[in-house]
Amino acid sequence: MSRHKDKITLRHLSGEVDDWSEPESAYVDYAERWATVRDATGSEAALGQEMQATISAAVEMRYPRSGRFPCSTDQVQVREQGRLRTLEIVGLQRIDTNQRQLKLLCKEVI
């Protein structure tokens, strides 16, 4: 198992409502983890549930043992070379059968 070198922040939609009872689209941080973030090579596709999405990055992290589990409505933030990079999760993959590693398939938010 490799050591992860990037510190990431996992974020989810707040679920709060504004003064007009409309849902807010603000993200809130819920976890910080060590991970490995790599740019996707070519066009990787998530074909899990007959969904096909072109991804721009893959984030490998330890499988969460407690707390909120990442899902496809969440975001990942990572600081790279002085800039904050925001990635939207489009799919998840278990890397091994022992549930030790998880891969988040992401597209960059521009």
Protein backbone atom coordinates (compact mmCIF):
# COMPACT_ATOMS: atom_id res chain seq x y z
CA MET A 1 0.00 0.00 0.00
CA SER A 2 1.49 3.34 -1.00
CA ARG A 3 1.66 6.44 1.16
CA HIS A 4 -0.62 9.25 0.15
CA LYS A 5 1.05 12.63 -0.29
CA ASP A 6 -1.77 15.12 -0.94
CA LYS A 7 -3.99 16.53 1.79
CA ILE A 8 -7.55 16.83 0.52
CA THR A 9 -10.75 18.31 1.92
CA LEU A 10 -14.04 16.53 1.27
CA ARG A 11 -17.09 18.80 0.97
CA HIS A 12 -20.86 18.27 0.68
CA LEU A 13 -23.85 20.50 -0.04
CA SER A 14 -24.97 22.18 3.16
CA GLY A 15 -28.65 21.24 2.94
CA GLU A 16 -29.53 24.63 4.44
CA VAL A 17 -32.39 26.72 3.11
CA ASP A 18 -32.36 30.48 2.55
CA ASP A 19 -34.93 33.05 3.68
CA TRP A 20 -37.25 32.05 0.80
CA SER A 21 -37.09 28.34 1.70
CA GLU A 22 -34.94 27.63 -1.35
CA PRO A 23 -32.04 25.18 -0.95
CA GLU A 24 -28.64 26.85 -0.78
CA SER A 25 -25.92 25.52 -3.04
CA ALA A 26 -23.10 26.17 -0.58
CA TYR A 27 -20.56 23.45 0.15
CA VAL A 28 -19.30 22.70 3.66
CA ASP A 29 -16.15 20.81 4.63
CA TYR A 30 -16.74 17.51 6.40
CA ALA A 31 -13.38 15.71 6.37
CA GLU A 32 -9.68 16.12 5.70
CA ARG A 33 -7.80 13.08 4.42
CA TRP A 34 -4.46 12.12 2.93
CA ALA A 35 -4.79 10.99 -0.67
CA THR A 36 -3.01 10.71 -3.99
CA VAL A 37 -4.41 12.99 -6.68
CA ARG A 38 -3.43 12.30 -10.27
CA ASP A 39 -4.59 13.72 -13.56
CA ALA A 40 -6.54 11.24 -15.64
CA THR A 41 -4.76 9.95 -18.70
CA GLY A 42 -6.81 10.37 -21.85
CA SER A 43 -10.50 9.79 -21.38
CA GLU A 44 -11.28 7.48 -18.49
CA ALA A 45 -14.92 6.52 -18.21
CA ALA A 46 -17.01 5.40 -15.27
CA LEU A 47 -19.28 2.70 -16.63
CA GLY A 48 -20.65 1.54 -13.26
CA GLN A 49 -24.39 2.03 -13.57
CA GLU A 50 -24.44 2.58 -17.33
CA MET A 51 -23.15 6.08 -16.66
CA GLN A 52 -20.41 7.44 -18.83
CA ALA A 53 -18.55 10.57 -17.78
CA THR A 54 -15.18 11.89 -18.86
CA ILE A 55 -13.05 12.52 -15.81
CA SER A 56 -10.10 14.81 -15.36
CA ALA A 57 -8.63 13.45 -12.11
CA ALA A 58 -8.57 10.36 -9.93
CA VAL A 59 -8.21 10.61 -6.15
CA GLU A 60 -7.04 7.52 -4.27
CA MET A 61 -7.57 7.49 -0.51
CA ARG A 62 -7.97 5.10 2.38
CA TYR A 63 -11.46 3.66 2.70
CA PRO A 64 -13.40 5.75 5.28
CA ARG A 65 -14.03 3.76 8.46
CA SER A 66 -16.25 6.30 10.18
CA GLY A 67 -18.10 9.52 9.47
CA ARG A 68 -19.71 10.54 6.22
CA PHE A 69 -18.92 8.43 3.15
CA PRO A 70 -18.08 10.35 -0.07
CA CYS A 71 -20.79 10.35 -2.74
CA SER A 72 -21.29 11.67 -6.26
CA THR A 73 -22.75 14.99 -5.08
CA ASP A 74 -19.61 15.84 -3.07
CA GLN A 75 -16.50 17.80 -3.97
CA VAL A 76 -12.79 17.36 -3.28
CA GLN A 77 -10.46 20.31 -2.77
CA VAL A 78 -6.68 20.01 -3.00
CA ARG A 79 -3.99 22.67 -2.92
CA GLU A 80 -1.45 22.11 -5.71
CA GLN A 81 1.50 24.41 -6.35
CA GLY A 82 -0.11 27.31 -4.54
CA ARG A 83 -3.55 27.09 -6.17
CA LEU A 84 -6.74 25.56 -4.83
CA ARG A 85 -8.16 22.93 -7.15
CA THR A 86 -11.83 21.91 -6.84
CA LEU A 87 -12.95 18.52 -8.17
CA GLU A 88 -16.51 17.24 -8.45
CA ILE A 89 -16.95 13.54 -7.72
CA VAL A 90 -18.68 11.69 -10.58
CA GLY A 91 -18.03 8.11 -9.46
CA LEU A 92 -16.43 5.87 -6.86
CA GLN A 93 -14.51 2.60 -7.19
CA ARG A 94 -13.20 0.19 -4.58
CA ILE A 95 -9.58 -0.51 -5.43
CA ASP A 96 -9.31 -3.75 -3.47
CA THR A 97 -11.70 -6.34 -2.06
CA ASN A 98 -10.58 -5.70 1.52
CA GLN A 99 -12.07 -2.19 1.49
CA ARG A 100 -8.76 -0.49 2.27
CA GLN A 101 -8.51 1.85 -0.72
CA LEU A 102 -11.12 3.93 -2.53
CA LYS A 103 -10.81 5.76 -5.84
CA LEU A 104 -12.86 8.90 -6.48
CA LEU A 105 -13.33 9.66 -10.18
CA CYS A 106 -13.60 13.42 -10.55
CA LYS A 107 -14.01 16.21 -13.05
CA GLU A 108 -12.52 19.63 -12.49
CA VAL A 109 -14.80 22.52 -11.55
CA ILE A 110 -13.79 25.55 -13.59
